[in-house]
Amino acid sequence: MKDKTRQKVSLYLYHGARIVLGLVFIYASYDKILHPAEFAKIIYNHQIVPDELINLTAIFLPWLELIAGCLLLSGLWLAGSAFISNILFIIYLCLLIYNNVRGLDVNCGCFSTSLEGNSHSILNVVRNFIFVIISGFLFIKIYLTPSSSEKK
């Protein structure tokens, strides 16, 4: 009985992780897609992306987030979307930590293109760390759990 309960909880966590991360990506992409010039300013303020790639990044990244979010919600191409979500969340977390170490007081650009706010907030780091954990769980669940066809 315990094994059945554990499987049920694991299944709920798996679907919950997919839904939460999918919604986070879709929500995060919305303002950036609507305001690419403002998002480009935020990217520029982080002082990491070469100047030649700032506009391309400001246009490409929100659409990548939107597509990854939609794929996570729909359950399509989960292996690829889980991989992309892990890479993105790890990059975002490293960016926040790196900017904190450098003492840069810039908006993280996570959910808004507003230039107000800062990346120094420990809450931003903690929030992104939680997303990395959730995304890591989903990645492990997808890549390391044998599929039902392999169990036969």
N, C-alpha and C. Protein backbone atom coordinates (compact mmCIF):
# COMPACT_ATOMS: atom_id res chain seq x y z
N MET A 1 0.82 -1.19 0.00
CA MET A 1 0.00 0.00 0.00
C MET A 1 0.86 1.26 0.00
N LYS A 2 1.97 1.22 0.72
CA LYS A 2 2.85 2.38 0.77
C LYS A 2 3.41 2.70 -0.61
N ASP A 3 3.75 1.65 -1.37
CA ASP A 3 4.33 1.87 -2.69
C ASP A 3 3.32 2.54 -3.62
N LYS A 4 2.06 2.15 -3.52
CA LYS A 4 1.02 2.76 -4.35
C LYS A 4 0.82 4.24 -3.98
N THR A 5 0.84 4.54 -2.70
CA THR A 5 0.71 5.92 -2.24
C THR A 5 1.91 6.74 -2.70
N ARG A 6 3.09 6.17 -2.60
CA ARG A 6 4.31 6.86 -3.03
C ARG A 6 4.25 7.16 -4.53
N GLN A 7 3.77 6.21 -5.31
CA GLN A 7 3.64 6.43 -6.76
C GLN A 7 2.63 7.54 -7.06
N LYS A 8 1.55 7.56 -6.29
CA LYS A 8 0.53 8.58 -6.49
C LYS A 8 1.08 9.97 -6.15
N VAL A 9 1.78 10.07 -5.03
CA VAL A 9 2.38 11.35 -4.63
C VAL A 9 3.41 11.79 -5.67
N SER A 10 4.22 10.85 -6.15
CA SER A 10 5.22 11.15 -7.17
C SER A 10 4.57 11.65 -8.45
N LEU A 11 3.46 11.06 -8.81
CA LEU A 11 2.74 11.48 -10.01
C LEU A 11 2.16 12.88 -9.84
N TYR A 12 1.62 13.17 -8.65
CA TYR A 12 1.10 14.52 -8.38
C TYR A 12 2.22 15.55 -8.41
N LEU A 13 3.35 15.22 -7.82
CA LEU A 13 4.49 16.13 -7.83
C LEU A 13 5.00 16.38 -9.25
N TYR A 14 5.03 15.32 -10.04
CA TYR A 14 5.47 15.42 -11.44
C TYR A 14 4.56 16.37 -12.23
N HIS A 15 3.27 16.14 -12.14
CA HIS A 15 2.33 17.00 -12.87
C HIS A 15 2.30 18.41 -12.28
N GLY A 16 2.41 18.52 -10.97
CA GLY A 16 2.47 19.83 -10.33
C GLY A 16 3.68 20.62 -10.79
N ALA A 17 4.82 19.96 -10.88
CA ALA A 17 6.05 20.62 -11.35
C ALA A 17 5.90 21.10 -12.78
N ARG A 18 5.33 20.25 -13.62
CA ARG A 18 5.10 20.63 -15.02
C ARG A 18 4.21 21.87 -15.11
N ILE A 19 3.13 21.86 -14.36
CA ILE A 19 2.16 22.96 -14.42
C ILE A 19 2.77 24.25 -13.86
N VAL A 20 3.41 24.15 -12.70
CA VAL A 20 4.00 25.34 -12.08
C VAL A 20 5.07 25.95 -12.99
N LEU A 21 5.99 25.14 -13.48
CA LEU A 21 7.06 25.67 -14.33
C LEU A 21 6.51 26.19 -15.65
N GLY A 22 5.53 25.50 -16.21
CA GLY A 22 4.92 25.98 -17.44
C GLY A 22 4.27 27.34 -17.26
N LEU A 23 3.53 27.50 -16.18
CA LEU A 23 2.89 28.79 -15.91
C LEU A 23 3.91 29.89 -15.61
N VAL A 24 4.97 29.53 -14.91
CA VAL A 24 6.02 30.52 -14.61
C VAL A 24 6.64 31.02 -15.91
N PHE A 25 6.98 30.12 -16.81
CA PHE A 25 7.58 30.54 -18.07
C PHE A 25 6.63 31.38 -18.91
N ILE A 26 5.38 30.98 -18.97
CA ILE A 26 4.42 31.74 -19.77
C ILE A 26 4.23 33.14 -19.17
N TYR A 27 4.07 33.21 -17.86
CA TYR A 27 3.92 34.50 -17.20
C TYR A 27 5.17 35.37 -17.39
N ALA A 28 6.34 34.76 -17.26
CA ALA A 28 7.60 35.50 -17.39
C ALA A 28 7.80 36.03 -18.80
N SER A 29 7.30 35.33 -19.80
CA SER A 29 7.53 35.73 -21.19
C SER A 29 6.60 36.87 -21.63
N TYR A 30 5.46 36.99 -21.01
CA TYR A 30 4.42 37.89 -21.49
C TYR A 30 4.89 39.34 -21.64
N ASP A 31 5.37 39.95 -20.57
CA ASP A 31 5.78 41.35 -20.60
C ASP A 31 7.00 41.55 -21.51
N LYS A 32 7.88 40.57 -21.53
CA LYS A 32 9.09 40.67 -22.37
C LYS A 32 8.74 40.63 -23.85
N ILE A 33 7.76 39.83 -24.21
CA ILE A 33 7.33 39.75 -25.62
C ILE A 33 6.68 41.07 -26.02
N LEU A 34 5.89 41.65 -25.13
CA LEU A 34 5.20 42.91 -25.43
C LEU A 34 6.15 44.11 -25.47
N HIS A 35 7.25 44.04 -24.73
CA HIS A 35 8.16 45.18 -24.62
C HIS A 35 9.62 44.75 -24.83
N PRO A 36 9.97 44.35 -26.04
CA PRO A 36 11.33 43.86 -26.27
C PRO A 36 12.41 44.92 -26.08
N ALA A 37 12.12 46.19 -26.38
CA ALA A 37 13.12 47.24 -26.21
C ALA A 37 13.48 47.43 -24.74
N GLU A 38 12.46 47.41 -23.88
CA GLU A 38 12.71 47.55 -22.45
C GLU A 38 13.47 46.33 -21.91
N PHE A 39 13.12 45.15 -22.42
CA PHE A 39 13.83 43.95 -21.99
C PHE A 39 15.29 44.01 -22.46
N ALA A 40 15.53 44.55 -23.63
CA ALA A 40 16.90 44.70 -24.12
C ALA A 40 17.71 45.60 -23.18
N LYS A 41 17.08 46.65 -22.63
CA LYS A 41 17.77 47.53 -21.68
C LYS A 41 18.16 46.76 -20.42
N ILE A 42 17.26 45.89 -19.97
CA ILE A 42 17.56 45.09 -18.78
C ILE A 42 18.72 44.15 -19.06
N ILE A 43 18.70 43.52 -20.23
CA ILE A 43 19.80 42.62 -20.60
C ILE A 43 21.11 43.41 -20.65
N TYR A 44 21.07 44.59 -21.25
CA TYR A 44 22.26 45.44 -21.32
C TYR A 44 22.77 45.78 -19.92
N ASN A 45 21.88 46.10 -19.00
CA ASN A 45 22.27 46.47 -17.64
C ASN A 45 22.97 45.34 -16.88
N HIS A 46 22.70 44.11 -17.27
CA HIS A 46 23.36 42.97 -16.62
C HIS A 46 24.84 42.87 -17.01
N GLN A 47 25.22 43.48 -18.11
CA GLN A 47 26.62 43.55 -18.56
C GLN A 47 27.26 42.17 -18.73
N ILE A 48 26.49 41.24 -19.32
CA ILE A 48 27.01 39.90 -19.55
C ILE A 48 26.96 39.54 -21.03
N VAL A 49 25.87 39.89 -21.69
CA VAL A 49 25.68 39.56 -23.10
C VAL A 49 26.44 40.58 -23.96
N PRO A 50 27.19 40.12 -24.96
CA PRO A 50 27.86 41.08 -25.85
C PRO A 50 26.84 42.00 -26.51
N ASP A 51 27.24 43.25 -26.72
CA ASP A 51 26.33 44.26 -27.27
C ASP A 51 25.67 43.81 -28.57
N GLU A 52 26.40 43.08 -29.40
CA GLU A 52 25.87 42.64 -30.69
C GLU A 52 24.72 41.64 -30.53
N LEU A 53 24.63 40.98 -29.38
CA LEU A 53 23.62 39.93 -29.18
C LEU A 53 22.46 40.35 -28.29
N ILE A 54 22.49 41.58 -27.79
CA ILE A 54 21.46 42.02 -26.84
C ILE A 54 20.07 42.02 -27.48
N ASN A 55 19.92 42.63 -28.64
CA ASN A 55 18.60 42.69 -29.28
C ASN A 55 18.10 41.30 -29.66
N LEU A 56 18.99 40.47 -30.19
CA LEU A 56 18.61 39.11 -30.54
C LEU A 56 18.15 38.33 -29.30
N THR A 57 18.88 38.49 -28.22
CA THR A 57 18.51 37.83 -26.97
C THR A 57 17.16 38.33 -26.45
N ALA A 58 16.95 39.64 -26.54
CA ALA A 58 15.69 40.24 -26.05
C ALA A 58 14.49 39.76 -26.85
N ILE A 59 14.70 39.40 -28.09
CA ILE A 59 13.60 38.89 -28.91
C ILE A 59 13.46 37.38 -28.76
N PHE A 60 14.56 36.66 -28.77
CA PHE A 60 14.54 35.19 -28.77
C PHE A 60 14.16 34.60 -27.42
N LEU A 61 14.75 35.10 -26.34
CA LEU A 61 14.58 34.49 -25.02
C LEU A 61 13.13 34.43 -24.54
N PRO A 62 12.34 35.51 -24.66
CA PRO A 62 10.94 35.41 -24.20
C PRO A 62 10.13 34.39 -25.00
N TRP A 63 10.41 34.29 -26.29
CA TRP A 63 9.68 33.30 -27.09
C TRP A 63 10.10 31.87 -26.71
N LEU A 64 11.37 31.69 -26.37
CA LEU A 64 11.83 30.39 -25.89
C LEU A 64 11.13 30.04 -24.57
N GLU A 65 10.99 31.03 -23.69
CA GLU A 65 10.27 30.80 -22.44
C GLU A 65 8.81 30.44 -22.69
N LEU A 66 8.17 31.16 -23.60
CA LEU A 66 6.77 30.90 -23.91
C LEU A 66 6.59 29.49 -24.48
N ILE A 67 7.43 29.12 -25.42
CA ILE A 67 7.33 27.79 -26.03
C ILE A 67 7.60 26.70 -25.00
N ALA A 68 8.65 26.89 -24.19
CA ALA A 68 8.95 25.89 -23.15
C ALA A 68 7.79 25.77 -22.17
N GLY A 69 7.19 26.91 -21.79
CA GLY A 69 6.05 26.88 -20.88
C GLY A 69 4.86 26.15 -21.47
N CYS A 70 4.57 26.43 -22.73
CA CYS A 70 3.44 25.75 -23.39
C CYS A 70 3.69 24.25 -23.52
N LEU A 71 4.93 23.88 -23.83
CA LEU A 71 5.25 22.45 -23.95
C LEU A 71 5.15 21.75 -22.59
N LEU A 72 5.62 22.41 -21.55
CA LEU A 72 5.51 21.81 -20.21
C LEU A 72 4.05 21.64 -19.82
N LEU A 73 3.23 22.63 -20.09
CA LEU A 73 1.80 22.53 -19.75
C LEU A 73 1.10 21.45 -20.56
N SER A 74 1.43 21.38 -21.84
CA SER A 74 0.74 20.43 -22.71
C SER A 74 1.24 19.00 -22.55
N GLY A 75 2.44 18.85 -22.04
CA GLY A 75 3.01 17.51 -21.91
C GLY A 75 3.69 17.02 -23.17
N LEU A 76 3.82 17.89 -24.17
CA LEU A 76 4.49 17.52 -25.42
C LEU A 76 5.98 17.77 -25.30
N TRP A 77 6.77 16.92 -25.93
CA TRP A 77 8.23 17.07 -25.98
C TRP A 77 8.80 17.39 -24.60
N LEU A 78 8.39 16.62 -23.62
CA LEU A 78 8.79 16.92 -22.24
C LEU A 78 10.29 16.80 -22.00
N ALA A 79 10.93 15.87 -22.66
CA ALA A 79 12.37 15.72 -22.44
C ALA A 79 13.10 17.00 -22.83
N GLY A 80 12.78 17.52 -23.99
CA GLY A 80 13.43 18.74 -24.46
C GLY A 80 13.05 19.96 -23.64
N SER A 81 11.77 20.09 -23.32
CA SER A 81 11.33 21.26 -22.55
C SER A 81 11.86 21.21 -21.11
N ALA A 82 11.98 20.02 -20.54
CA ALA A 82 12.57 19.89 -19.20
C ALA A 82 14.05 20.26 -19.23
N PHE A 83 14.74 19.85 -20.27
CA PHE A 83 16.15 20.19 -20.42
C PHE A 83 16.32 21.70 -20.55
N ILE A 84 15.53 22.31 -21.41
CA ILE A 84 15.61 23.76 -21.62
C ILE A 84 15.26 24.51 -20.34
N SER A 85 14.23 24.06 -19.63
CA SER A 85 13.85 24.75 -18.39
C SER A 85 14.98 24.67 -17.36
N ASN A 86 15.64 23.53 -17.27
CA ASN A 86 16.77 23.41 -16.35
C ASN A 86 17.89 24.36 -16.71
N ILE A 87 18.25 24.39 -17.98
CA ILE A 87 19.32 25.28 -18.43
C ILE A 87 18.95 26.74 -18.12
N LEU A 88 17.74 27.15 -18.47
CA LEU A 88 17.33 28.53 -18.25
C LEU A 88 17.32 28.90 -16.77
N PHE A 89 16.73 28.05 -15.94
CA PHE A 89 16.67 28.37 -14.51
C PHE A 89 18.05 28.40 -13.87
N ILE A 90 18.94 27.52 -14.29
CA ILE A 90 20.31 27.54 -13.77
C ILE A 90 21.03 28.81 -14.20
N ILE A 91 20.86 29.19 -15.47
CA ILE A 91 21.48 30.44 -15.96
C ILE A 91 20.93 31.64 -15.19
N TYR A 92 19.62 31.69 -15.01
CA TYR A 92 19.01 32.81 -14.29
C TYR A 92 19.54 32.89 -12.86
N LEU A 93 19.62 31.74 -12.19
CA LEU A 93 20.12 31.72 -10.81
C LEU A 93 21.57 32.19 -10.76
N CYS A 94 22.39 31.68 -11.66
CA CYS A 94 23.80 32.09 -11.69
C CYS A 94 23.93 33.58 -11.98
N LEU A 95 23.08 34.10 -12.87
CA LEU A 95 23.11 35.52 -13.19
C LEU A 95 22.77 36.37 -11.96
N LEU A 96 21.76 35.97 -11.22
CA LEU A 96 21.40 36.71 -10.01
C LEU A 96 22.53 36.69 -8.99
N ILE A 97 23.11 35.53 -8.78
CA ILE A 97 24.20 35.41 -7.81
C ILE A 97 25.41 36.21 -8.28
N TYR A 98 25.74 36.10 -9.56
CA TYR A 98 26.89 36.81 -10.12
C TYR A 98 26.72 38.33 -9.98
N ASN A 99 25.52 38.82 -10.27
CA ASN A 99 25.28 40.26 -10.13
C ASN A 99 25.34 40.69 -8.66
N ASN A 100 24.89 39.84 -7.76
CA ASN A 100 25.02 40.16 -6.34
C ASN A 100 26.48 40.27 -5.94
N VAL A 101 27.29 39.34 -6.41
CA VAL A 101 28.72 39.36 -6.09
C VAL A 101 29.38 40.61 -6.68
N ARG A 102 28.99 40.99 -7.89
CA ARG A 102 29.56 42.18 -8.54
C ARG A 102 28.99 43.48 -7.98
N GLY A 103 27.93 43.39 -7.21
CA GLY A 103 27.34 44.58 -6.62
C GLY A 103 26.47 45.38 -7.58
N LEU A 104 26.02 44.76 -8.67
CA LEU A 104 25.15 45.45 -9.63
C LEU A 104 23.75 45.56 -9.06
N ASP A 105 23.19 46.74 -9.14
CA ASP A 105 21.84 46.98 -8.65
C ASP A 105 20.93 47.17 -9.85
N VAL A 106 20.56 46.06 -10.49
CA VAL A 106 19.70 46.10 -11.68
C VAL A 106 18.51 45.17 -11.49
N ASN A 107 17.44 45.48 -12.21
CA ASN A 107 16.26 44.62 -12.20
C ASN A 107 16.63 43.29 -12.83
N CYS A 108 16.18 42.21 -12.25
CA CYS A 108 16.51 40.90 -12.81
C CYS A 108 15.81 40.67 -14.15
N GLY A 109 14.68 41.31 -14.39
CA GLY A 109 13.96 41.11 -15.64
C GLY A 109 13.21 39.79 -15.68
N CYS A 110 13.02 39.20 -14.53
CA CYS A 110 12.38 37.88 -14.48
C CYS A 110 10.93 37.92 -14.95
N PHE A 111 10.15 38.84 -14.40
CA PHE A 111 8.73 38.87 -14.70
C PHE A 111 8.24 40.22 -15.20
N SER A 112 9.13 41.18 -15.28
CA SER A 112 8.72 42.52 -15.70
C SER A 112 9.86 43.21 -16.43
N THR A 113 9.49 44.06 -17.37
CA THR A 113 10.50 44.84 -18.08
C THR A 113 10.72 46.20 -17.45
N SER A 114 10.11 46.44 -16.31
CA SER A 114 10.31 47.69 -15.59
C SER A 114 11.77 47.78 -15.16
N LEU A 115 12.36 48.94 -15.29
CA LEU A 115 13.76 49.11 -14.90
C LEU A 115 13.92 49.31 -13.40
N GLU A 116 12.79 49.42 -12.68
CA GLU A 116 12.85 49.55 -11.23
C GLU A 116 13.03 48.18 -10.60
N GLY A 117 13.51 48.16 -9.41
CA GLY A 117 13.75 46.90 -8.72
C GLY A 117 15.22 46.58 -8.76
N ASN A 118 15.60 45.49 -8.10
CA ASN A 118 17.02 45.12 -8.11
C ASN A 118 17.19 43.63 -8.04
N SER A 119 18.38 43.19 -8.39
CA SER A 119 18.69 41.77 -8.34
C SER A 119 19.31 41.38 -7.00
N HIS A 120 19.50 42.37 -6.10
CA HIS A 120 20.14 42.08 -4.83
C HIS A 120 19.20 41.39 -3.85
N SER A 121 17.94 41.40 -4.14
CA SER A 121 16.99 40.81 -3.22
C SER A 121 17.28 39.32 -3.05
N ILE A 122 17.48 38.94 -1.82
CA ILE A 122 17.71 37.53 -1.51
C ILE A 122 16.48 36.70 -1.90
N LEU A 123 15.32 37.36 -1.90
CA LEU A 123 14.10 36.64 -2.29
C LEU A 123 14.15 36.21 -3.76
N ASN A 124 14.75 37.04 -4.63
CA ASN A 124 14.90 36.65 -6.04
C ASN A 124 15.79 35.43 -6.17
N VAL A 125 16.87 35.40 -5.41
CA VAL A 125 17.79 34.27 -5.45
C VAL A 125 17.09 33.02 -4.91
N VAL A 126 16.41 33.16 -3.79
CA VAL A 126 15.71 32.01 -3.19
C VAL A 126 14.62 31.51 -4.14
N ARG A 127 13.85 32.43 -4.71
CA ARG A 127 12.80 32.05 -5.66
C ARG A 127 13.37 31.26 -6.83
N ASN A 128 14.45 31.76 -7.41
CA ASN A 128 15.05 31.06 -8.54
C ASN A 128 15.69 29.74 -8.12
N PHE A 129 16.21 29.67 -6.92
CA PHE A 129 16.75 28.42 -6.41
C PHE A 129 15.65 27.37 -6.29
N ILE A 130 14.48 27.80 -5.83
CA ILE A 130 13.34 26.89 -5.74
C ILE A 130 12.93 26.41 -7.14
N PHE A 131 12.94 27.31 -8.12
CA PHE A 131 12.63 26.91 -9.49
C PHE A 131 13.65 25.90 -10.01
N VAL A 132 14.92 26.07 -9.65
CA VAL A 132 15.96 25.12 -10.07
C VAL A 132 15.68 23.75 -9.45
N ILE A 133 15.27 23.73 -8.20
CA ILE A 133 14.97 22.45 -7.53
C ILE A 133 13.77 21.78 -8.21
N ILE A 134 12.71 22.54 -8.45
CA ILE A 134 11.52 21.97 -9.10
C ILE A 134 11.87 21.48 -10.50
N SER A 135 12.60 22.28 -11.23
CA SER A 135 12.99 21.92 -12.59
C SER A 135 13.92 20.69 -12.58
N GLY A 136 14.81 20.65 -11.61
CA GLY A 136 15.70 19.49 -11.47
C GLY A 136 14.92 18.22 -11.17
N PHE A 137 13.92 18.34 -10.30
CA PHE A 137 13.06 17.19 -10.01
C PHE A 137 12.38 16.69 -11.27
N LEU A 138 11.83 17.62 -12.04
CA LEU A 138 11.14 17.25 -13.28
C LEU A 138 12.11 16.59 -14.26
N PHE A 139 13.30 17.15 -14.37
CA PHE A 139 14.32 16.61 -15.26
C PHE A 139 14.67 15.17 -14.87
N ILE A 140 14.91 14.95 -13.59
CA ILE A 140 15.25 13.61 -13.10
C ILE A 140 14.09 12.66 -13.32
N LYS A 141 12.90 13.12 -13.04
CA LYS A 141 11.71 12.27 -13.21
C LYS A 141 11.56 11.84 -14.67
N ILE A 142 11.80 12.76 -15.60
CA ILE A 142 11.63 12.45 -17.02
C ILE A 142 12.78 11.59 -17.54
N TYR A 143 14.00 11.92 -17.19
CA TYR A 143 15.15 11.25 -17.76
C TYR A 143 15.56 9.97 -17.04
N LEU A 144 15.29 9.86 -15.75
CA LEU A 144 15.78 8.70 -15.00
C LEU A 144 14.70 7.71 -14.61
N THR A 145 13.45 8.06 -14.83
CA THR A 145 12.37 7.12 -14.54
C THR A 145 12.07 6.33 -15.79
N PRO A 146 12.12 5.00 -15.69
CA PRO A 146 11.83 4.20 -16.89
C PRO A 146 10.39 4.44 -17.35
N SER A 147 10.22 4.53 -18.67
CA SER A 147 8.88 4.73 -19.20
C SER A 147 8.08 3.45 -19.07
N SER A 148 6.79 3.56 -19.24
CA SER A 148 5.91 2.39 -19.09
C SER A 148 6.23 1.34 -20.13
N SER A 149 6.72 1.75 -21.30
CA SER A 149 7.06 0.76 -22.33
C SER A 149 8.30 -0.03 -21.95
N GLU A 150 9.20 0.55 -21.16
CA GLU A 150 10.40 -0.16 -20.75
C GLU A 150 10.10 -1.14 -19.62
N LYS A 151 9.00 -0.95 -18.92
CA LYS A 151 8.65 -1.84 -17.81
C LYS A 151 8.07 -3.15 -18.30
N LYS A 152 7.64 -3.19 -19.53
CA LYS A 152 7.01 -4.41 -20.06
C LYS A 152 8.00 -5.48 -20.37
